Amino acid sequence: MPRLRETLDEPRSDADTPTNFKTEVNTHGMLCGVCDGLFYVDEATYNQVRSAIEFDPNDNPFRCDECKEEYDEEAVY
C-alpha cells in the first residue's frame, strides 16, 4: 500500500520547525531567503518574518534549517 511522504517524514515536535509540506501547524508558505525553497511555517514564524519584510523589503530573514546550519558553520570560521 503506498504511503504519503508526509506520513514518512513526520515533522519534529517543535512547532517552529519549517516543513516541505503543509501540516496542521505549518500552514503558511514561506520562501527561504538563501535558497528560495518553499517551506511551510507556523503562524508565529510567519508573522515575525512578515513584519521584518515589511520593515525592509530587500531582506528576507527566513532561513530553512539547511541554510541556517550552513550559515552557522561559516560564522564559526
C-alpha atoms as a PDB file:
ATOM      1  CA  MET A   1       0.000   0.000   0.000  1.00  0.00           C
ATOM      2  CA  PRO A   2       1.532   3.368  -0.991  1.00  0.00           C
ATOM      3  CA  ARG A   3       2.257   5.846   1.770  1.00  0.00           C
ATOM      4  CA  LEU A   4       2.293   9.595   1.523  1.00  0.00           C
ATOM      5  CA  ARG A   5       5.618  11.321   2.034  1.00  0.00           C
ATOM      6  CA  GLU A   6       4.004  13.402   4.785  1.00  0.00           C
ATOM      7  CA  THR A   7       3.459  10.272   6.852  1.00  0.00           C
ATOM      8  CA  LEU A   8       7.024   9.100   6.322  1.00  0.00           C
ATOM      9  CA  ASP A   9       8.716  12.420   7.077  1.00  0.00           C
ATOM     10  CA  GLU A  10       6.960  13.412  10.259  1.00  0.00           C
ATOM     11  CA  PRO A  11       7.960  16.903  11.369  1.00  0.00           C
ATOM     12  CA  ARG A  12       9.845  17.290  14.611  1.00  0.00           C
ATOM     13  CA  SER A  13       7.776  18.176  17.621  1.00  0.00           C
ATOM     14  CA  ASP A  14       8.902  21.816  17.711  1.00  0.00           C
ATOM     15  CA  ALA A  15       6.137  23.972  16.305  1.00  0.00           C
ATOM     16  CA  ASP A  16       8.601  26.411  14.742  1.00  0.00           C
ATOM     17  CA  THR A  17      10.300  23.776  12.565  1.00  0.00           C
ATOM     18  CA  PRO A  18       9.706  24.517   8.865  1.00  0.00           C
ATOM     19  CA  THR A  19       8.430  21.630   6.748  1.00  0.00           C
ATOM     20  CA  ASN A  20       8.363  20.960   2.997  1.00  0.00           C
ATOM     21  CA  PHE A  21       4.625  20.337   3.156  1.00  0.00           C
ATOM     22  CA  LYS A  22       1.596  21.764   4.931  1.00  0.00           C
ATOM     23  CA  THR A  23       0.759  20.404   8.353  1.00  0.00           C
ATOM     24  CA  GLU A  24      -1.880  21.298  10.912  1.00  0.00           C
ATOM     25  CA  VAL A  25       0.584  23.757  12.490  1.00  0.00           C
ATOM     26  CA  ASN A  26       2.650  24.830   9.476  1.00  0.00           C
ATOM     27  CA  THR A  27       0.075  26.353   7.153  1.00  0.00           C
ATOM     28  CA  HIS A  28       1.890  29.411   5.785  1.00  0.00           C
ATOM     29  CA  GLY A  29       4.143  29.153   2.732  1.00  0.00           C
ATOM     30  CA  MET A  30       7.463  30.994   3.041  1.00  0.00           C
ATOM     31  CA  LEU A  31      10.474  31.209   0.728  1.00  0.00           C
ATOM     32  CA  CYS A  32      13.938  30.736   2.203  1.00  0.00           C
ATOM     33  CA  GLY A  33      15.967  33.943   1.927  1.00  0.00           C
ATOM     34  CA  VAL A  34      19.027  31.990   0.755  1.00  0.00           C
ATOM     35  CA  CYS A  35      17.964  29.027  -1.410  1.00  0.00           C
ATOM     36  CA  ASP A  36      14.453  30.275  -2.378  1.00  0.00           C
ATOM     37  CA  GLY A  37      12.986  26.901  -1.398  1.00  0.00           C
ATOM     38  CA  LEU A  38       9.324  26.809  -0.395  1.00  0.00           C
ATOM     39  CA  PHE A  39       8.722  25.829   3.224  1.00  0.00           C
ATOM     40  CA  TYR A  40       5.686  25.908   5.451  1.00  0.00           C
ATOM     41  CA  VAL A  41       5.881  27.623   8.827  1.00  0.00           C
ATOM     42  CA  ASP A  42       3.635  28.238  11.801  1.00  0.00           C
ATOM     43  CA  GLU A  43       1.657  31.439  12.424  1.00  0.00           C
ATOM     44  CA  ALA A  44       4.199  32.974  14.826  1.00  0.00           C
ATOM     45  CA  THR A  45       7.157  32.474  12.472  1.00  0.00           C
ATOM     46  CA  TYR A  46       5.130  33.774   9.540  1.00  0.00           C
ATOM     47  CA  ASN A  47       4.122  36.935  11.403  1.00  0.00           C
ATOM     48  CA  GLN A  48       7.674  37.561  12.608  1.00  0.00           C
ATOM     49  CA  VAL A  49       9.188  37.225   9.127  1.00  0.00           C
ATOM     50  CA  ARG A  50       6.384  39.218   7.503  1.00  0.00           C
ATOM     51  CA  SER A  51       6.985  42.100   9.939  1.00  0.00           C
ATOM     52  CA  ALA A  52      10.709  42.080   9.136  1.00  0.00           C
ATOM     53  CA  ILE A  53       9.999  42.080   5.385  1.00  0.00           C
ATOM     54  CA  GLU A  54       7.542  44.969   5.778  1.00  0.00           C
ATOM     55  CA  PHE A  55      10.289  46.921   7.563  1.00  0.00           C
ATOM     56  CA  ASP A  56      12.936  46.119   4.896  1.00  0.00           C
ATOM     57  CA  PRO A  57      11.501  44.522   1.727  1.00  0.00           C
ATOM     58  CA  ASN A  58      15.005  43.813   0.381  1.00  0.00           C
ATOM     59  CA  ASP A  59      15.910  41.468   3.233  1.00  0.00           C
ATOM     60  CA  ASN A  60      14.153  38.152   3.845  1.00  0.00           C
ATOM     61  CA  PRO A  61      15.420  36.934   7.242  1.00  0.00           C
ATOM     62  CA  PHE A  62      13.827  33.481   6.960  1.00  0.00           C
ATOM     63  CA  ARG A  63      16.345  30.642   6.584  1.00  0.00           C
ATOM     64  CA  CYS A  64      15.446  26.979   6.179  1.00  0.00           C
ATOM     65  CA  ASP A  65      17.159  24.538   8.556  1.00  0.00           C
ATOM     66  CA  GLU A  66      19.774  23.522   5.977  1.00  0.00           C
ATOM     67  CA  CYS A  67      20.740  27.107   5.083  1.00  0.00           C
ATOM     68  CA  LYS A  68      20.724  28.069   8.768  1.00  0.00           C
ATOM     69  CA  GLU A  69      23.179  25.246   9.532  1.00  0.00           C
ATOM     70  CA  GLU A  70      25.466  26.291   6.671  1.00  0.00           C
ATOM     71  CA  TYR A  71      25.355  29.912   7.834  1.00  0.00           C
ATOM     72  CA  ASP A  72      26.165  28.901  11.410  1.00  0.00           C
ATOM     73  CA  GLU A  73      29.101  26.755  10.235  1.00  0.00           C
ATOM     74  CA  GLU A  74      30.510  29.622   8.158  1.00  0.00           C
ATOM     75  CA  ALA A  75      30.130  32.050  11.051  1.00  0.00           C
ATOM     76  CA  VAL A  76      32.354  29.865  13.254  1.00  0.00           C
ATOM     77  CA  TYR A  77      35.325  30.134  10.898  1.00  0.00           C
END
